[in-house]
């Protein structure tokens, strides 16, 4: 049986536990969120959490804990081709690329 070729990517996720406050009931609670990428400090994480998850009822109050998780993701190339869309900014063959590069010379 032939070996299946895979596309792999390594991504970093910042897992954050934040102290939240329900302003209607004045109940504090902890919630865990997964943010894409890494952040330089708690202030940057707090800003990202407020932008994405804060609303009229629940407010982000404080960062309790953070952990950066590295994951290696993989999928067969055929499945990748089926699920993705073509980026119009990328040439489909070498002649298109050569024409674009040499057009202004």
C-alpha atoms as a PDB file:
ATOM      1  CA  UNK A   1       0.000   0.000   0.000  1.00  0.00           C
ATOM      2  CA  UNK A   2       1.347   3.408  -0.993  1.00  0.00           C
ATOM      3  CA  UNK A   3       2.160   5.922   1.660  1.00  0.00           C
ATOM      4  CA  UNK A   4      -0.284   8.860   1.764  1.00  0.00           C
ATOM      5  CA  UNK A   5       1.383  12.263   1.452  1.00  0.00           C
ATOM      6  CA  UNK A   6       0.269  14.826   4.018  1.00  0.00           C
ATOM      7  CA  UNK A   7       0.397  18.570   4.419  1.00  0.00           C
ATOM      8  CA  UNK A   8       1.427  19.562   7.939  1.00  0.00           C
ATOM      9  CA  UNK A   9       1.376  22.839   9.820  1.00  0.00           C
ATOM     10  CA  UNK A  10       2.522  23.677  13.304  1.00  0.00           C
ATOM     11  CA  UNK A  11       0.400  26.299  15.050  1.00  0.00           C
ATOM     12  CA  UNK A  12       0.542  27.995  18.421  1.00  0.00           C
ATOM     13  CA  UNK A  13      -2.563  28.634  20.485  1.00  0.00           C
ATOM     14  CA  UNK A  14      -2.679  30.681  23.671  1.00  0.00           C
ATOM     15  CA  UNK A  15      -5.063  29.056  26.118  1.00  0.00           C
ATOM     16  CA  UNK A  16      -6.307  31.677  28.574  1.00  0.00           C
ATOM     17  CA  UNK A  17      -8.283  31.305  31.774  1.00  0.00           C
ATOM     18  CA  UNK A  18      -9.922  34.626  32.552  1.00  0.00           C
ATOM     19  CA  UNK A  19     -11.941  35.929  35.454  1.00  0.00           C
ATOM     20  CA  UNK A  20     -15.286  37.061  34.050  1.00  0.00           C
ATOM     21  CA  UNK A  21     -18.092  39.015  35.665  1.00  0.00           C
ATOM     22  CA  UNK A  22     -21.784  38.713  34.876  1.00  0.00           C
ATOM     23  CA  UNK A  23     -22.905  42.306  35.473  1.00  0.00           C
ATOM     24  CA  UNK A  24     -26.594  41.408  35.789  1.00  0.00           C
ATOM     25  CA  UNK A  25     -26.121  38.932  38.631  1.00  0.00           C
ATOM     26  CA  UNK A  26     -22.778  40.235  39.968  1.00  0.00           C
ATOM     27  CA  UNK A  27     -21.465  36.636  39.746  1.00  0.00           C
ATOM     28  CA  UNK A  28     -17.755  36.180  39.027  1.00  0.00           C
ATOM     29  CA  UNK A  29     -16.668  33.041  37.143  1.00  0.00           C
ATOM     30  CA  UNK A  30     -13.657  31.644  35.320  1.00  0.00           C
ATOM     31  CA  UNK A  31     -13.831  30.907  31.598  1.00  0.00           C
ATOM     32  CA  UNK A  32     -11.235  29.335  29.313  1.00  0.00           C
ATOM     33  CA  UNK A  33     -10.586  30.669  25.800  1.00  0.00           C
ATOM     34  CA  UNK A  34      -8.293  29.626  22.954  1.00  0.00           C
ATOM     35  CA  UNK A  35      -6.685  32.528  21.102  1.00  0.00           C
ATOM     36  CA  UNK A  36      -4.763  32.129  17.854  1.00  0.00           C
ATOM     37  CA  UNK A  37      -1.046  32.818  18.077  1.00  0.00           C
ATOM     38  CA  UNK A  38       1.010  34.130  20.972  1.00  0.00           C
ATOM     39  CA  UNK A  39       0.901  37.398  22.910  1.00  0.00           C
ATOM     40  CA  UNK A  40       3.689  39.442  24.468  1.00  0.00           C
ATOM     41  CA  UNK A  41       1.936  40.189  27.789  1.00  0.00           C
ATOM     42  CA  UNK A  42      -1.304  39.964  29.757  1.00  0.00           C
ATOM     43  CA  UNK A  43      -2.434  43.412  28.597  1.00  0.00           C
ATOM     44  CA  UNK A  44      -2.365  42.262  24.950  1.00  0.00           C
ATOM     45  CA  UNK A  45      -4.304  39.119  25.877  1.00  0.00           C
ATOM     46  CA  UNK A  46      -6.859  41.155  27.837  1.00  0.00           C
ATOM     47  CA  UNK A  47      -7.340  43.494  24.872  1.00  0.00           C
ATOM     48  CA  UNK A  48      -7.896  40.532  22.491  1.00  0.00           C
ATOM     49  CA  UNK A  49     -10.347  38.875  24.897  1.00  0.00           C
ATOM     50  CA  UNK A  50     -12.347  42.065  25.356  1.00  0.00           C
ATOM     51  CA  UNK A  51     -12.547  42.576  21.597  1.00  0.00           C
ATOM     52  CA  UNK A  52     -13.749  39.030  20.861  1.00  0.00           C
ATOM     53  CA  UNK A  53     -15.674  37.849  23.916  1.00  0.00           C
ATOM     54  CA  UNK A  54     -16.853  40.766  26.026  1.00  0.00           C
ATOM     55  CA  UNK A  55     -20.466  41.929  25.681  1.00  0.00           C
ATOM     56  CA  UNK A  56     -23.141  43.788  27.673  1.00  0.00           C
ATOM     57  CA  UNK A  57     -23.750  41.016  30.219  1.00  0.00           C
ATOM     58  CA  UNK A  58     -20.293  39.465  30.688  1.00  0.00           C
ATOM     59  CA  UNK A  59     -17.121  41.468  31.174  1.00  0.00           C
ATOM     60  CA  UNK A  60     -13.504  40.265  31.165  1.00  0.00           C
ATOM     61  CA  UNK A  61     -11.930  41.338  34.445  1.00  0.00           C
ATOM     62  CA  UNK A  62      -8.547  39.663  34.892  1.00  0.00           C
ATOM     63  CA  UNK A  63      -6.221  37.056  33.362  1.00  0.00           C
ATOM     64  CA  UNK A  64      -5.925  34.121  35.772  1.00  0.00           C
ATOM     65  CA  UNK A  65      -3.614  31.816  33.782  1.00  0.00           C
ATOM     66  CA  UNK A  66      -2.126  31.428  30.310  1.00  0.00           C
ATOM     67  CA  UNK A  67      -0.499  28.542  28.486  1.00  0.00           C
ATOM     68  CA  UNK A  68       0.927  28.438  24.962  1.00  0.00           C
ATOM     69  CA  UNK A  69       0.066  25.166  23.266  1.00  0.00           C
ATOM     70  CA  UNK A  70       1.889  24.025  20.133  1.00  0.00           C
ATOM     71  CA  UNK A  71      -0.050  21.688  17.869  1.00  0.00           C
ATOM     72  CA  UNK A  72       1.067  19.891  14.741  1.00  0.00           C
ATOM     73  CA  UNK A  73      -1.837  19.495  12.340  1.00  0.00           C
ATOM     74  CA  UNK A  74      -1.835  17.170   9.352  1.00  0.00           C
ATOM     75  CA  UNK A  75      -4.162  16.200   6.514  1.00  0.00           C
ATOM     76  CA  UNK A  76      -3.793  14.219   3.282  1.00  0.00           C
ATOM     77  CA  UNK A  77      -2.961  16.389   0.272  1.00  0.00           C
ATOM     78  CA  UNK A  78      -6.024  15.160  -1.639  1.00  0.00           C
ATOM     79  CA  UNK A  79      -8.335  16.237   1.191  1.00  0.00           C
ATOM     80  CA  UNK A  80      -6.544  19.604   1.383  1.00  0.00           C
ATOM     81  CA  UNK A  81      -7.148  20.210  -2.337  1.00  0.00           C
ATOM     82  CA  UNK A  82     -10.837  19.305  -1.951  1.00  0.00           C
ATOM     83  CA  UNK A  83     -11.380  21.722   0.961  1.00  0.00           C
ATOM     84  CA  UNK A  84      -9.362  24.749  -0.126  1.00  0.00           C
ATOM     85  CA  UNK A  85     -10.067  27.525  -2.590  1.00  0.00           C
ATOM     86  CA  UNK A  86      -7.677  28.948  -5.156  1.00  0.00           C
ATOM     87  CA  UNK A  87      -6.026  32.249  -4.269  1.00  0.00           C
ATOM     88  CA  UNK A  88      -6.398  34.497  -7.324  1.00  0.00           C
ATOM     89  CA  UNK A  89      -3.155  36.291  -6.519  1.00  0.00           C
ATOM     90  CA  UNK A  90      -1.074  33.168  -7.173  1.00  0.00           C
ATOM     91  CA  UNK A  91      -0.114  32.148 -10.694  1.00  0.00           C
ATOM     92  CA  UNK A  92      -1.191  28.699 -11.892  1.00  0.00           C
ATOM     93  CA  UNK A  93       1.950  28.001 -13.916  1.00  0.00           C
ATOM     94  CA  UNK A  94       5.473  29.272 -14.523  1.00  0.00           C
ATOM     95  CA  UNK A  95       4.663  31.257 -17.680  1.00  0.00           C
ATOM     96  CA  UNK A  96       2.169  33.445 -15.790  1.00  0.00           C
ATOM     97  CA  UNK A  97       4.768  34.102 -13.115  1.00  0.00           C
ATOM     98  CA  UNK A  98       7.476  34.971 -15.650  1.00  0.00           C
ATOM     99  CA  UNK A  99       5.154  37.352 -17.539  1.00  0.00           C
ATOM    100  CA  UNK A 100       4.244  39.171 -14.326  1.00  0.00           C
ATOM    101  CA  UNK A 101       7.850  39.564 -13.227  1.00  0.00           C
ATOM    102  CA  UNK A 102       9.121  40.753 -16.620  1.00  0.00           C
ATOM    103  CA  UNK A 103       6.157  42.973 -17.529  1.00  0.00           C
ATOM    104  CA  UNK A 104       7.659  46.166 -16.117  1.00  0.00           C
ATOM    105  CA  UNK A 105      11.190  45.730 -17.510  1.00  0.00           C
END
